[in-house]
Amino acid sequence: MITAGNGQGSAEFLGRGQPAIGLVILDVMMPSQTGYETCRFLRRKFALI
């Protein structure tokens, strides 16, 4: 299990490419980006998650 403090942090972590991630669980209320915004970003950039 890997955790990130906010949506931007999770996107930066996933952008590094290691390790491969198959599932992301988001909180709707997060600092800097909502879970919805983060989900939209991740689906555009990482379609296989």
PDB file of N, CA and C in Angstrom:
ATOM      1  N   MET A   1       0.849  -1.158   0.000  1.00  0.00           N
ATOM      2  CA  MET A   1       0.000   0.000   0.000  1.00  0.00           C
ATOM      3  C   MET A   1       0.901   1.230   0.000  1.00  0.00           C
ATOM      4  N   ILE A   2       0.551   2.176  -0.842  1.00  0.00           N
ATOM      5  CA  ILE A   2       1.277   3.440  -0.957  1.00  0.00           C
ATOM      6  C   ILE A   2       0.277   4.556  -0.712  1.00  0.00           C
ATOM      7  N   THR A   3       0.649   5.549   0.062  1.00  0.00           N
ATOM      8  CA  THR A   3      -0.257   6.665   0.325  1.00  0.00           C
ATOM      9  C   THR A   3       0.359   7.970  -0.161  1.00  0.00           C
ATOM     10  N   ALA A   4      -0.514   8.911  -0.489  1.00  0.00           N
ATOM     11  CA  ALA A   4      -0.097  10.269  -0.869  1.00  0.00           C
ATOM     12  C   ALA A   4      -0.954  11.245  -0.079  1.00  0.00           C
ATOM     13  N   GLY A   5      -0.398  12.378   0.251  1.00  0.00           N
ATOM     14  CA  GLY A   5      -1.102  13.359   1.070  1.00  0.00           C
ATOM     15  C   GLY A   5      -2.166  14.145   0.343  1.00  0.00           C
ATOM     16  N   ASN A   6      -2.084  14.166  -0.998  1.00  0.00           N
ATOM     17  CA  ASN A   6      -3.071  14.908  -1.781  1.00  0.00           C
ATOM     18  C   ASN A   6      -3.079  14.393  -3.216  1.00  0.00           C
ATOM     19  N   GLY A   7      -4.013  14.904  -4.013  1.00  0.00           N
ATOM     20  CA  GLY A   7      -4.150  14.449  -5.393  1.00  0.00           C
ATOM     21  C   GLY A   7      -2.934  14.732  -6.242  1.00  0.00           C
ATOM     22  N   GLN A   8      -2.344  15.890  -6.061  1.00  0.00           N
ATOM     23  CA  GLN A   8      -1.159  16.246  -6.834  1.00  0.00           C
ATOM     24  C   GLN A   8      -0.002  15.304  -6.505  1.00  0.00           C
ATOM     25  N   GLY A   9       0.149  14.971  -5.238  1.00  0.00           N
ATOM     26  CA  GLY A   9       1.206  14.042  -4.830  1.00  0.00           C
ATOM     27  C   GLY A   9       1.023  12.662  -5.435  1.00  0.00           C
ATOM     28  N   SER A  10      -0.214  12.207  -5.521  1.00  0.00           N
ATOM     29  CA  SER A  10      -0.461  10.892  -6.119  1.00  0.00           C
ATOM     30  C   SER A  10      -0.151  10.906  -7.608  1.00  0.00           C
ATOM     31  N   ALA A  11      -0.503  11.983  -8.304  1.00  0.00           N
ATOM     32  CA  ALA A  11      -0.211  12.091  -9.734  1.00  0.00           C
ATOM     33  C   ALA A  11       1.297  12.125  -9.973  1.00  0.00           C
ATOM     34  N   GLU A  12       2.024  12.847  -9.139  1.00  0.00           N
ATOM     35  CA  GLU A  12       3.482  12.902  -9.274  1.00  0.00           C
ATOM     36  C   GLU A  12       4.098  11.526  -9.035  1.00  0.00           C
ATOM     37  N   PHE A  13       3.612  10.815  -8.031  1.00  0.00           N
ATOM     38  CA  PHE A  13       4.128   9.479  -7.746  1.00  0.00           C
ATOM     39  C   PHE A  13       3.874   8.538  -8.924  1.00  0.00           C
ATOM     40  N   LEU A  14       2.655   8.547  -9.435  1.00  0.00           N
ATOM     41  CA  LEU A  14       2.320   7.659 -10.552  1.00  0.00           C
ATOM     42  C   LEU A  14       3.109   8.018 -11.802  1.00  0.00           C
ATOM     43  N   GLY A  15       3.437   9.287 -11.977  1.00  0.00           N
ATOM     44  CA  GLY A  15       4.216   9.721 -13.129  1.00  0.00           C
ATOM     45  C   GLY A  15       5.622   9.145 -13.152  1.00  0.00           C
ATOM     46  N   ARG A  16       6.127   8.732 -12.016  1.00  0.00           N
ATOM     47  CA  ARG A  16       7.469   8.134 -11.951  1.00  0.00           C
ATOM     48  C   ARG A  16       7.488   6.728 -12.541  1.00  0.00           C
ATOM     49  N   GLY A  17       6.332   6.070 -12.599  1.00  0.00           N
ATOM     50  CA  GLY A  17       6.226   4.778 -13.267  1.00  0.00           C
ATOM     51  C   GLY A  17       6.609   3.555 -12.450  1.00  0.00           C
ATOM     52  N   GLN A  18       7.087   3.699 -11.252  1.00  0.00           N
ATOM     53  CA  GLN A  18       7.485   2.548 -10.452  1.00  0.00           C
ATOM     54  C   GLN A  18       6.864   2.655  -9.082  1.00  0.00           C
ATOM     55  N   PRO A  19       6.332   1.654  -8.520  1.00  0.00           N
ATOM     56  CA  PRO A  19       5.970   0.372  -9.125  1.00  0.00           C
ATOM     57  C   PRO A  19       4.691   0.503  -9.943  1.00  0.00           C
ATOM     58  N   ALA A  20       4.383  -0.532 -10.712  1.00  0.00           N
ATOM     59  CA  ALA A  20       3.146  -0.524 -11.499  1.00  0.00           C
ATOM     60  C   ALA A  20       1.947  -0.525 -10.548  1.00  0.00           C
ATOM     61  N   ILE A  21       0.969   0.322 -10.823  1.00  0.00           N
ATOM     62  CA  ILE A  21      -0.212   0.467  -9.973  1.00  0.00           C
ATOM     63  C   ILE A  21      -1.428  -0.040 -10.741  1.00  0.00           C
ATOM     64  N   GLY A  22      -2.241  -0.864 -10.107  1.00  0.00           N
ATOM     65  CA  GLY A  22      -3.436  -1.390 -10.741  1.00  0.00           C
ATOM     66  C   GLY A  22      -4.731  -0.865 -10.155  1.00  0.00           C
ATOM     67  N   LEU A  23      -4.659  -0.242  -8.975  1.00  0.00           N
ATOM     68  CA  LEU A  23      -5.858   0.242  -8.301  1.00  0.00           C
ATOM     69  C   LEU A  23      -5.518   1.501  -7.521  1.00  0.00           C
ATOM     70  N   VAL A  24      -6.375   2.506  -7.640  1.00  0.00           N
ATOM     71  CA  VAL A  24      -6.213   3.749  -6.884  1.00  0.00           C
ATOM     72  C   VAL A  24      -7.509   4.002  -6.127  1.00  0.00           C
ATOM     73  N   ILE A  25      -7.404   4.254  -4.834  1.00  0.00           N
ATOM     74  CA  ILE A  25      -8.560   4.613  -4.011  1.00  0.00           C
ATOM     75  C   ILE A  25      -8.381   6.061  -3.598  1.00  0.00           C
ATOM     76  N   LEU A  26      -9.365   6.891  -3.930  1.00  0.00           N
ATOM     77  CA  LEU A  26      -9.279   8.328  -3.673  1.00  0.00           C
ATOM     78  C   LEU A  26     -10.318   8.773  -2.664  1.00  0.00           C
ATOM     79  N   ASP A  27      -9.979   9.786  -1.917  1.00  0.00           N
ATOM     80  CA  ASP A  27     -10.916  10.474  -1.035  1.00  0.00           C
ATOM     81  C   ASP A  27     -11.489  11.648  -1.826  1.00  0.00           C
ATOM     82  N   VAL A  28     -12.772  11.866  -1.749  1.00  0.00           N
ATOM     83  CA  VAL A  28     -13.400  12.965  -2.485  1.00  0.00           C
ATOM     84  C   VAL A  28     -12.905  14.315  -1.977  1.00  0.00           C
ATOM     85  N   MET A  29     -12.690  14.435  -0.681  1.00  0.00           N
ATOM     86  CA  MET A  29     -12.261  15.694  -0.072  1.00  0.00           C
ATOM     87  C   MET A  29     -10.764  15.623   0.231  1.00  0.00           C
ATOM     88  N   MET A  30      -9.943  16.129  -0.679  1.00  0.00           N
ATOM     89  CA  MET A  30      -8.494  16.148  -0.482  1.00  0.00           C
ATOM     90  C   MET A  30      -7.983  17.569  -0.664  1.00  0.00           C
ATOM     91  N   PRO A  31      -6.852  17.904  -0.025  1.00  0.00           N
ATOM     92  CA  PRO A  31      -6.274  19.229  -0.229  1.00  0.00           C
ATOM     93  C   PRO A  31      -5.681  19.363  -1.636  1.00  0.00           C
ATOM     94  N   SER A  32      -5.683  20.537  -2.180  1.00  0.00           N
ATOM     95  CA  SER A  32      -5.105  20.954  -3.467  1.00  0.00           C
ATOM     96  C   SER A  32      -5.899  20.476  -4.685  1.00  0.00           C
ATOM     97  N   GLN A  33      -6.425  19.288  -4.695  1.00  0.00           N
ATOM     98  CA  GLN A  33      -7.279  18.773  -5.771  1.00  0.00           C
ATOM     99  C   GLN A  33      -8.315  17.872  -5.122  1.00  0.00           C
ATOM    100  N   THR A  34      -9.539  17.905  -5.633  1.00  0.00           N
ATOM    101  CA  THR A  34     -10.533  16.965  -5.112  1.00  0.00           C
ATOM    102  C   THR A  34     -10.259  15.575  -5.686  1.00  0.00           C
ATOM    103  N   GLY A  35     -10.877  14.581  -5.105  1.00  0.00           N
ATOM    104  CA  GLY A  35     -10.755  13.232  -5.636  1.00  0.00           C
ATOM    105  C   GLY A  35     -11.291  13.127  -7.053  1.00  0.00           C
ATOM    106  N   TYR A  36     -12.342  13.891  -7.350  1.00  0.00           N
ATOM    107  CA  TYR A  36     -12.907  13.888  -8.704  1.00  0.00           C
ATOM    108  C   TYR A  36     -11.908  14.454  -9.710  1.00  0.00           C
ATOM    109  N   GLU A  37     -11.277  15.562  -9.372  1.00  0.00           N
ATOM    110  CA  GLU A  37     -10.280  16.167 -10.265  1.00  0.00           C
ATOM    111  C   GLU A  37      -9.098  15.227 -10.469  1.00  0.00           C
ATOM    112  N   THR A  38      -8.657  14.615  -9.400  1.00  0.00           N
ATOM    113  CA  THR A  38      -7.543  13.681  -9.490  1.00  0.00           C
ATOM    114  C   THR A  38      -7.914  12.484 -10.350  1.00  0.00           C
ATOM    115  N   CYS A  39      -9.116  11.965 -10.179  1.00  0.00           N
ATOM    116  CA  CYS A  39      -9.577  10.829 -10.977  1.00  0.00           C
ATOM    117  C   CYS A  39      -9.602  11.168 -12.464  1.00  0.00           C
ATOM    118  N   ARG A  40     -10.139  12.323 -12.807  1.00  0.00           N
ATOM    119  CA  ARG A  40     -10.166  12.733 -14.221  1.00  0.00           C
ATOM    120  C   ARG A  40      -8.756  12.817 -14.793  1.00  0.00           C
ATOM    121  N   PHE A  41      -7.836  13.416 -14.041  1.00  0.00           N
ATOM    122  CA  PHE A  41      -6.452  13.526 -14.491  1.00  0.00           C
ATOM    123  C   PHE A  41      -5.829  12.144 -14.685  1.00  0.00           C
ATOM    124  N   LEU A  42      -5.989  11.275 -13.694  1.00  0.00           N
ATOM    125  CA  LEU A  42      -5.381   9.947 -13.769  1.00  0.00           C
ATOM    126  C   LEU A  42      -5.952   9.128 -14.916  1.00  0.00           C
ATOM    127  N   ARG A  43      -7.242   9.237 -15.172  1.00  0.00           N
ATOM    128  CA  ARG A  43      -7.852   8.479 -16.278  1.00  0.00           C
ATOM    129  C   ARG A  43      -7.340   8.959 -17.625  1.00  0.00           C
ATOM    130  N   ARG A  44      -7.078  10.260 -17.754  1.00  0.00           N
ATOM    131  CA  ARG A  44      -6.522  10.779 -19.015  1.00  0.00           C
ATOM    132  C   ARG A  44      -5.076  10.333 -19.204  1.00  0.00           C
ATOM    133  N   LYS A  45      -4.296  10.408 -18.150  1.00  0.00           N
ATOM    134  CA  LYS A  45      -2.862  10.153 -18.262  1.00  0.00           C
ATOM    135  C   LYS A  45      -2.495   8.674 -18.134  1.00  0.00           C
ATOM    136  N   PHE A  46      -3.232   7.933 -17.318  1.00  0.00           N
ATOM    137  CA  PHE A  46      -2.910   6.529 -17.041  1.00  0.00           C
ATOM    138  C   PHE A  46      -4.160   5.683 -17.287  1.00  0.00           C
ATOM    139  N   ALA A  47      -4.481   5.439 -18.522  1.00  0.00           N
ATOM    140  CA  ALA A  47      -5.733   4.777 -18.893  1.00  0.00           C
ATOM    141  C   ALA A  47      -5.838   3.342 -18.361  1.00  0.00           C
ATOM    142  N   LEU A  48      -4.729   2.704 -18.057  1.00  0.00           N
ATOM    143  CA  LEU A  48      -4.770   1.304 -17.627  1.00  0.00           C
ATOM    144  C   LEU A  48      -5.021   1.126 -16.141  1.00  0.00           C
ATOM    145  N   ILE A  49      -5.072   2.205 -15.382  1.00  0.00           N
ATOM    146  CA  ILE A  49      -5.357   2.090 -13.946  1.00  0.00           C
ATOM    147  C   ILE A  49      -6.847   1.925 -13.778  1.00  0.00           C
TER     148      ILE A  49
END
